Amino acid sequence: MAYLVSKILPSFPILSIIYASCTLGTIFMILPHDQVDGTPVPIVVFRDRPTAFHAFLISIMLSFTGAFSASLIQHRPRVERFCRFYAMASTISALAILLYATLFGVSGVLI
């Protein structure tokens, strides 16, 4: 298991995670918002799902933080690997949340 992780992690592009997280965070902040339970939620994807939107934003922020830390910490390989891992995990969770919000409509049924 450790051999597989050590072979996969260095090949994963950290800069693309940084660019994607910045772009997605900016795009979802610029989209038109609706007030749901007192919090702004984009009406395009996360309509009536404020918790999914907030989980998406937290995942995006964690992926940016992990990727940026991994790109800065290169003299400590264990810390860099840990930052790469949680950047990848946060990116995958953000994409899963986005896929969930996109595929399932407001009523919770597959569109």
C-alpha atoms as a PDB file:
ATOM      1  CA  MET A   1       0.000   0.000   0.000  1.00  0.00           C
ATOM      2  CA  ALA A   2       2.769   2.436   0.912  1.00  0.00           C
ATOM      3  CA  TYR A   3       4.526   1.665  -2.377  1.00  0.00           C
ATOM      4  CA  LEU A   4       1.389   2.515  -4.391  1.00  0.00           C
ATOM      5  CA  VAL A   5       0.797   5.767  -2.526  1.00  0.00           C
ATOM      6  CA  SER A   6       4.405   6.858  -2.916  1.00  0.00           C
ATOM      7  CA  LYS A   7       4.239   6.189  -6.675  1.00  0.00           C
ATOM      8  CA  ILE A   8       0.906   7.962  -7.230  1.00  0.00           C
ATOM      9  CA  LEU A   9       1.403  11.073  -5.090  1.00  0.00           C
ATOM     10  CA  PRO A  10       4.423  12.622  -6.858  1.00  0.00           C
ATOM     11  CA  SER A  11       2.750  12.291 -10.247  1.00  0.00           C
ATOM     12  CA  PHE A  12      -0.387  14.171  -9.243  1.00  0.00           C
ATOM     13  CA  PRO A  13      -0.186  17.778 -10.485  1.00  0.00           C
ATOM     14  CA  ILE A  14      -0.318  20.113  -7.504  1.00  0.00           C
ATOM     15  CA  LEU A  15      -0.401  23.299  -9.552  1.00  0.00           C
ATOM     16  CA  SER A  16      -3.549  22.174 -11.322  1.00  0.00           C
ATOM     17  CA  ILE A  17      -5.240  21.750  -7.923  1.00  0.00           C
ATOM     18  CA  ILE A  18      -4.205  25.289  -7.007  1.00  0.00           C
ATOM     19  CA  TYR A  19      -5.539  26.707 -10.271  1.00  0.00           C
ATOM     20  CA  ALA A  20      -8.755  24.678 -10.175  1.00  0.00           C
ATOM     21  CA  SER A  21      -9.543  25.538  -6.563  1.00  0.00           C
ATOM     22  CA  CYS A  22      -8.953  29.246  -7.140  1.00  0.00           C
ATOM     23  CA  THR A  23     -11.068  29.192 -10.281  1.00  0.00           C
ATOM     24  CA  LEU A  24     -13.942  27.209  -8.771  1.00  0.00           C
ATOM     25  CA  GLY A  25     -13.977  29.319  -5.627  1.00  0.00           C
ATOM     26  CA  THR A  26     -14.076  32.518  -7.661  1.00  0.00           C
ATOM     27  CA  ILE A  27     -16.726  31.264 -10.070  1.00  0.00           C
ATOM     28  CA  PHE A  28     -19.066  30.149  -7.313  1.00  0.00           C
ATOM     29  CA  MET A  29     -18.688  33.453  -5.500  1.00  0.00           C
ATOM     30  CA  ILE A  30     -19.517  35.430  -8.656  1.00  0.00           C
ATOM     31  CA  LEU A  31     -22.635  33.416  -9.589  1.00  0.00           C
ATOM     32  CA  PRO A  32     -26.028  34.904  -8.671  1.00  0.00           C
ATOM     33  CA  HIS A  33     -26.990  34.044  -5.117  1.00  0.00           C
ATOM     34  CA  ASP A  34     -30.256  33.478  -3.298  1.00  0.00           C
ATOM     35  CA  GLN A  35     -30.801  33.848   0.448  1.00  0.00           C
ATOM     36  CA  VAL A  36     -31.553  30.425   1.951  1.00  0.00           C
ATOM     37  CA  ASP A  37     -31.878  30.396   5.737  1.00  0.00           C
ATOM     38  CA  GLY A  38     -30.023  33.711   5.894  1.00  0.00           C
ATOM     39  CA  THR A  39     -26.977  32.580   3.925  1.00  0.00           C
ATOM     40  CA  PRO A  40     -26.213  33.283   0.268  1.00  0.00           C
ATOM     41  CA  VAL A  41     -26.334  30.162  -1.920  1.00  0.00           C
ATOM     42  CA  PRO A  42     -25.742  30.118  -5.702  1.00  0.00           C
ATOM     43  CA  ILE A  43     -29.001  29.447  -7.517  1.00  0.00           C
ATOM     44  CA  VAL A  44     -27.341  27.708 -10.464  1.00  0.00           C
ATOM     45  CA  VAL A  45     -26.129  24.485  -8.834  1.00  0.00           C
ATOM     46  CA  PHE A  46     -26.762  24.551  -5.089  1.00  0.00           C
ATOM     47  CA  ARG A  47     -30.380  25.745  -5.048  1.00  0.00           C
ATOM     48  CA  ASP A  48     -31.972  24.857  -1.677  1.00  0.00           C
ATOM     49  CA  ARG A  49     -28.779  23.094  -0.568  1.00  0.00           C
ATOM     50  CA  PRO A  50     -26.860  25.519   1.658  1.00  0.00           C
ATOM     51  CA  THR A  51     -25.089  22.750   3.584  1.00  0.00           C
ATOM     52  CA  ALA A  52     -23.793  21.188   0.364  1.00  0.00           C
ATOM     53  CA  PHE A  53     -22.570  24.599  -0.795  1.00  0.00           C
ATOM     54  CA  HIS A  54     -20.758  25.257   2.478  1.00  0.00           C
ATOM     55  CA  ALA A  55     -19.204  21.780   2.418  1.00  0.00           C
ATOM     56  CA  PHE A  56     -18.104  22.466  -1.168  1.00  0.00           C
ATOM     57  CA  LEU A  57     -16.463  25.748  -0.148  1.00  0.00           C
ATOM     58  CA  ILE A  58     -14.684  24.133   2.787  1.00  0.00           C
ATOM     59  CA  SER A  59     -13.400  21.355   0.521  1.00  0.00           C
ATOM     60  CA  ILE A  60     -12.179  23.906  -2.016  1.00  0.00           C
ATOM     61  CA  MET A  61     -10.385  25.887   0.694  1.00  0.00           C
ATOM     62  CA  LEU A  62      -8.762  22.738   2.107  1.00  0.00           C
ATOM     63  CA  SER A  63      -7.637  21.602  -1.338  1.00  0.00           C
ATOM     64  CA  PHE A  64      -6.077  24.998  -2.024  1.00  0.00           C
ATOM     65  CA  THR A  65      -4.380  25.039   1.374  1.00  0.00           C
ATOM     66  CA  GLY A  66      -2.991  21.533   0.954  1.00  0.00           C
ATOM     67  CA  ALA A  67      -1.752  22.104  -2.597  1.00  0.00           C
ATOM     68  CA  PHE A  68      -0.197  25.444  -1.751  1.00  0.00           C
ATOM     69  CA  SER A  69       1.497  23.982   1.323  1.00  0.00           C
ATOM     70  CA  ALA A  70       2.800  21.042  -0.691  1.00  0.00           C
ATOM     71  CA  SER A  71       4.257  23.384  -3.284  1.00  0.00           C
ATOM     72  CA  LEU A  72       6.000  25.456  -0.597  1.00  0.00           C
ATOM     73  CA  ILE A  73       7.231  22.641   1.673  1.00  0.00           C
ATOM     74  CA  GLN A  74       9.659  20.722  -0.474  1.00  0.00           C
ATOM     75  CA  HIS A  75      12.487  20.165   1.984  1.00  0.00           C
ATOM     76  CA  ARG A  76      10.352  17.895   4.219  1.00  0.00           C
ATOM     77  CA  PRO A  77       9.099  14.987   2.138  1.00  0.00           C
ATOM     78  CA  ARG A  78       6.760  13.505   4.779  1.00  0.00           C
ATOM     79  CA  VAL A  79       4.970  16.798   5.347  1.00  0.00           C
ATOM     80  CA  GLU A  80       4.799  17.423   1.606  1.00  0.00           C
ATOM     81  CA  ARG A  81       3.286  13.977   1.029  1.00  0.00           C
ATOM     82  CA  PHE A  82       0.718  14.601   3.752  1.00  0.00           C
ATOM     83  CA  CYS A  83      -0.223  17.975   2.203  1.00  0.00           C
ATOM     84  CA  ARG A  84      -0.486  16.379  -1.236  1.00  0.00           C
ATOM     85  CA  PHE A  85      -2.707  13.655   0.163  1.00  0.00           C
ATOM     86  CA  TYR A  86      -5.162  15.967   1.871  1.00  0.00           C
ATOM     87  CA  ALA A  87      -5.183  18.297  -1.163  1.00  0.00           C
ATOM     88  CA  MET A  88      -6.132  15.344  -3.355  1.00  0.00           C
ATOM     89  CA  ALA A  89      -8.723  14.089  -0.867  1.00  0.00           C
ATOM     90  CA  SER A  90     -10.279  17.541  -0.530  1.00  0.00           C
ATOM     91  CA  THR A  91     -10.367  17.993  -4.306  1.00  0.00           C
ATOM     92  CA  ILE A  92     -12.074  14.640  -4.770  1.00  0.00           C
ATOM     93  CA  SER A  93     -14.610  15.445  -2.056  1.00  0.00           C
ATOM     94  CA  ALA A  94     -15.322  18.854  -3.622  1.00  0.00           C
ATOM     95  CA  LEU A  95     -15.899  17.219  -7.001  1.00  0.00           C
ATOM     96  CA  ALA A  96     -18.154  14.610  -5.373  1.00  0.00           C
ATOM     97  CA  ILE A  97     -20.214  17.348  -3.694  1.00  0.00           C
ATOM     98  CA  LEU A  98     -20.463  19.242  -6.990  1.00  0.00           C
ATOM     99  CA  LEU A  99     -21.516  16.064  -8.783  1.00  0.00           C
ATOM    100  CA  TYR A 100     -24.109  15.347  -6.101  1.00  0.00           C
ATOM    101  CA  ALA A 101     -25.558  18.847  -6.365  1.00  0.00           C
ATOM    102  CA  THR A 102     -25.559  18.730 -10.155  1.00  0.00           C
ATOM    103  CA  LEU A 103     -27.096  15.286 -10.648  1.00  0.00           C
ATOM    104  CA  PHE A 104     -29.735  15.432  -7.963  1.00  0.00           C
ATOM    105  CA  GLY A 105     -32.423  18.062  -8.382  1.00  0.00           C
ATOM    106  CA  VAL A 106     -34.218  20.045  -5.717  1.00  0.00           C
ATOM    107  CA  SER A 107     -36.568  17.165  -4.931  1.00  0.00           C
ATOM    108  CA  GLY A 108     -33.659  14.751  -4.471  1.00  0.00           C
ATOM    109  CA  VAL A 109     -34.508  12.633  -7.506  1.00  0.00           C
ATOM    110  CA  LEU A 110     -32.030  11.905 -10.252  1.00  0.00           C
ATOM    111  CA  ILE A 111     -32.711  14.251 -13.160  1.00  0.00           C
END
